[in-house]
Amino acid sequence: MLRPSRHARQRMVERSISYQEVEAVVAKPDVTFTDRKGNPCSVRMICERRIKVVVSKDDPSFVVTVIDLDT
């Protein structure tokens, strides 16, 4: 089970991204990479939007932030 940070929850609300969409991105990403801080990043196209989820390098169940790459 993923645990979004306060920041991630705020971004999810602002960007109309559901918890289920975040789970889907992490479970089956189209692209994965590591950011400059070493955190794993996952990107997936959902409903014609590219959603990026960043999780903590120390705890992969902790969601650092969620981004809609198309806005």
N, C-alpha and C. Protein backbone atom coordinates (compact mmCIF):
# COMPACT_ATOMS: atom_id res chain seq x y z
N MET A 1 0.85 -1.18 0.00
CA MET A 1 0.00 0.00 0.00
C MET A 1 0.89 1.24 0.00
N LEU A 2 0.59 2.16 -0.88
CA LEU A 2 1.35 3.41 -0.98
C LEU A 2 0.89 4.41 0.07
N ARG A 3 1.84 5.20 0.56
CA ARG A 3 1.55 6.25 1.54
C ARG A 3 1.98 7.60 0.98
N PRO A 4 1.05 8.36 0.43
CA PRO A 4 1.42 9.68 -0.11
C PRO A 4 1.78 10.67 0.99
N SER A 5 2.82 11.44 0.76
CA SER A 5 3.18 12.53 1.66
C SER A 5 2.10 13.61 1.60
N ARG A 6 2.16 14.55 2.51
CA ARG A 6 1.21 15.66 2.49
C ARG A 6 1.33 16.42 1.17
N HIS A 7 2.57 16.63 0.75
CA HIS A 7 2.82 17.32 -0.53
C HIS A 7 2.19 16.54 -1.69
N ALA A 8 2.39 15.23 -1.72
CA ALA A 8 1.82 14.41 -2.80
C ALA A 8 0.30 14.48 -2.78
N ARG A 9 -0.30 14.40 -1.60
CA ARG A 9 -1.77 14.49 -1.50
C ARG A 9 -2.29 15.83 -2.03
N GLN A 10 -1.58 16.92 -1.69
CA GLN A 10 -1.97 18.24 -2.18
C GLN A 10 -1.89 18.29 -3.71
N ARG A 11 -0.82 17.76 -4.26
CA ARG A 11 -0.66 17.77 -5.72
C ARG A 11 -1.71 16.89 -6.40
N MET A 12 -2.07 15.77 -5.78
CA MET A 12 -3.10 14.90 -6.34
C MET A 12 -4.43 15.65 -6.43
N VAL A 13 -4.77 16.40 -5.39
CA VAL A 13 -6.02 17.17 -5.39
C VAL A 13 -5.94 18.27 -6.44
N GLU A 14 -4.84 19.05 -6.45
CA GLU A 14 -4.68 20.14 -7.41
C GLU A 14 -4.74 19.66 -8.85
N ARG A 15 -4.23 18.47 -9.10
CA ARG A 15 -4.11 17.96 -10.47
C ARG A 15 -5.15 16.91 -10.81
N SER A 16 -6.12 16.70 -9.92
CA SER A 16 -7.20 15.74 -10.13
C SER A 16 -6.67 14.35 -10.49
N ILE A 17 -5.72 13.88 -9.69
CA ILE A 17 -5.14 12.55 -9.86
C ILE A 17 -5.57 11.70 -8.67
N SER A 18 -6.20 10.58 -8.94
CA SER A 18 -6.72 9.74 -7.87
C SER A 18 -5.64 8.82 -7.30
N TYR A 19 -5.91 8.32 -6.12
CA TYR A 19 -5.01 7.35 -5.49
C TYR A 19 -4.88 6.11 -6.37
N GLN A 20 -5.97 5.69 -6.99
CA GLN A 20 -5.96 4.52 -7.87
C GLN A 20 -5.06 4.75 -9.07
N GLU A 21 -5.05 5.97 -9.60
CA GLU A 21 -4.17 6.28 -10.71
C GLU A 21 -2.70 6.24 -10.27
N VAL A 22 -2.42 6.74 -9.09
CA VAL A 22 -1.05 6.70 -8.56
C VAL A 22 -0.61 5.24 -8.40
N GLU A 23 -1.47 4.41 -7.85
CA GLU A 23 -1.16 2.98 -7.70
C GLU A 23 -0.88 2.34 -9.06
N ALA A 24 -1.69 2.68 -10.06
CA ALA A 24 -1.53 2.10 -11.39
C ALA A 24 -0.19 2.50 -12.02
N VAL A 25 0.21 3.74 -11.81
CA VAL A 25 1.49 4.21 -12.36
C VAL A 25 2.64 3.42 -11.74
N VAL A 26 2.61 3.26 -10.43
CA VAL A 26 3.70 2.56 -9.74
C VAL A 26 3.68 1.07 -10.06
N ALA A 27 2.49 0.49 -10.18
CA ALA A 27 2.37 -0.95 -10.42
C ALA A 27 2.82 -1.35 -11.83
N LYS A 28 2.51 -0.50 -12.81
CA LYS A 28 2.82 -0.86 -14.20
C LYS A 28 3.21 0.38 -15.00
N PRO A 29 4.41 0.90 -14.74
CA PRO A 29 4.84 2.12 -15.44
C PRO A 29 5.22 1.85 -16.89
N ASP A 30 5.09 2.88 -17.72
CA ASP A 30 5.59 2.83 -19.10
C ASP A 30 7.09 3.10 -19.12
N VAL A 31 7.53 3.97 -18.21
CA VAL A 31 8.94 4.39 -18.13
C VAL A 31 9.33 4.49 -16.66
N THR A 32 10.55 4.07 -16.34
CA THR A 32 11.09 4.27 -14.99
C THR A 32 12.48 4.86 -15.10
N PHE A 33 12.84 5.66 -14.12
CA PHE A 33 14.17 6.24 -14.04
C PHE A 33 14.40 6.72 -12.62
N THR A 34 15.59 7.19 -12.35
CA THR A 34 15.94 7.71 -11.03
C THR A 34 16.20 9.20 -11.15
N ASP A 35 15.64 9.99 -10.23
CA ASP A 35 15.89 11.43 -10.27
C ASP A 35 17.27 11.74 -9.70
N ARG A 36 17.64 13.00 -9.71
CA ARG A 36 19.01 13.38 -9.30
C ARG A 36 19.28 13.16 -7.81
N LYS A 37 18.20 12.96 -7.03
CA LYS A 37 18.36 12.66 -5.61
C LYS A 37 18.38 11.16 -5.34
N GLY A 38 18.22 10.37 -6.41
CA GLY A 38 18.23 8.93 -6.26
C GLY A 38 16.89 8.29 -6.03
N ASN A 39 15.82 9.09 -6.12
CA ASN A 39 14.47 8.57 -5.92
C ASN A 39 13.94 7.92 -7.19
N PRO A 40 13.33 6.74 -7.07
CA PRO A 40 12.73 6.09 -8.23
C PRO A 40 11.52 6.88 -8.75
N CYS A 41 11.44 7.03 -10.06
CA CYS A 41 10.33 7.74 -10.71
C CYS A 41 9.66 6.80 -11.70
N SER A 42 8.35 6.86 -11.75
CA SER A 42 7.58 6.06 -12.69
C SER A 42 6.65 6.98 -13.47
N VAL A 43 6.52 6.72 -14.77
CA VAL A 43 5.62 7.51 -15.62
C VAL A 43 4.73 6.54 -16.38
N ARG A 44 3.46 6.90 -16.48
CA ARG A 44 2.51 6.09 -17.23
C ARG A 44 1.45 6.99 -17.83
N MET A 45 1.00 6.62 -19.02
CA MET A 45 -0.09 7.32 -19.68
C MET A 45 -1.40 6.76 -19.15
N ILE A 46 -2.22 7.62 -18.55
CA ILE A 46 -3.53 7.23 -18.04
C ILE A 46 -4.53 8.28 -18.49
N CYS A 47 -5.56 7.83 -19.19
CA CYS A 47 -6.62 8.74 -19.67
C CYS A 47 -6.03 9.94 -20.42
N GLU A 48 -5.11 9.65 -21.32
CA GLU A 48 -4.48 10.66 -22.16
C GLU A 48 -3.66 11.70 -21.39
N ARG A 49 -3.23 11.34 -20.18
CA ARG A 49 -2.34 12.20 -19.38
C ARG A 49 -1.12 11.38 -18.98
N ARG A 50 0.06 11.99 -19.06
CA ARG A 50 1.27 11.34 -18.57
C ARG A 50 1.43 11.72 -17.10
N ILE A 51 1.32 10.72 -16.24
CA ILE A 51 1.42 10.95 -14.80
C ILE A 51 2.75 10.40 -14.31
N LYS A 52 3.45 11.23 -13.54
CA LYS A 52 4.75 10.85 -12.97
C LYS A 52 4.59 10.74 -11.45
N VAL A 53 5.08 9.64 -10.90
CA VAL A 53 5.06 9.42 -9.46
C VAL A 53 6.50 9.23 -8.99
N VAL A 54 6.87 9.99 -7.97
CA VAL A 54 8.21 9.88 -7.38
C VAL A 54 8.04 9.27 -5.99
N VAL A 55 8.78 8.18 -5.74
CA VAL A 55 8.75 7.55 -4.42
C VAL A 55 10.12 7.72 -3.76
N SER A 56 10.15 7.53 -2.46
CA SER A 56 11.38 7.69 -1.71
C SER A 56 12.35 6.56 -1.98
N LYS A 57 13.62 6.90 -2.13
CA LYS A 57 14.65 5.88 -2.35
C LYS A 57 14.80 5.00 -1.11
N ASP A 58 14.46 5.53 0.06
CA ASP A 58 14.59 4.79 1.31
C ASP A 58 13.35 3.98 1.67
N ASP A 59 12.21 4.35 1.09
CA ASP A 59 10.94 3.65 1.38
C ASP A 59 10.07 3.71 0.13
N PRO A 60 10.11 2.68 -0.72
CA PRO A 60 9.38 2.70 -1.99
C PRO A 60 7.86 2.74 -1.85
N SER A 61 7.33 2.64 -0.63
CA SER A 61 5.89 2.77 -0.46
C SER A 61 5.50 4.21 -0.13
N PHE A 62 6.49 5.09 0.09
CA PHE A 62 6.24 6.49 0.44
C PHE A 62 6.32 7.36 -0.82
N VAL A 63 5.19 7.94 -1.20
CA VAL A 63 5.10 8.77 -2.41
C VAL A 63 5.53 10.20 -2.06
N VAL A 64 6.58 10.67 -2.72
CA VAL A 64 7.11 12.01 -2.47
C VAL A 64 6.27 13.06 -3.18
N THR A 65 5.98 12.84 -4.47
CA THR A 65 5.17 13.79 -5.22
C THR A 65 4.53 13.09 -6.42
N VAL A 66 3.53 13.77 -6.97
CA VAL A 66 2.78 13.28 -8.13
C VAL A 66 2.66 14.45 -9.10
N ILE A 67 2.96 14.20 -10.38
CA ILE A 67 3.00 15.26 -11.38
C ILE A 67 2.22 14.86 -12.62
N ASP A 68 1.43 15.78 -13.14
CA ASP A 68 0.79 15.60 -14.45
C ASP A 68 1.73 16.27 -15.45
N LEU A 69 2.43 15.49 -16.24
CA LEU A 69 3.44 16.03 -17.15
C LEU A 69 2.84 16.79 -18.34
N ASP A 70 1.55 16.71 -18.51
CA ASP A 70 0.91 17.37 -19.65
C ASP A 70 0.27 18.71 -19.29
N THR A 71 0.46 19.17 -18.05
CA THR A 71 -0.09 20.48 -17.69
C THR A 71 1.01 21.40 -17.19
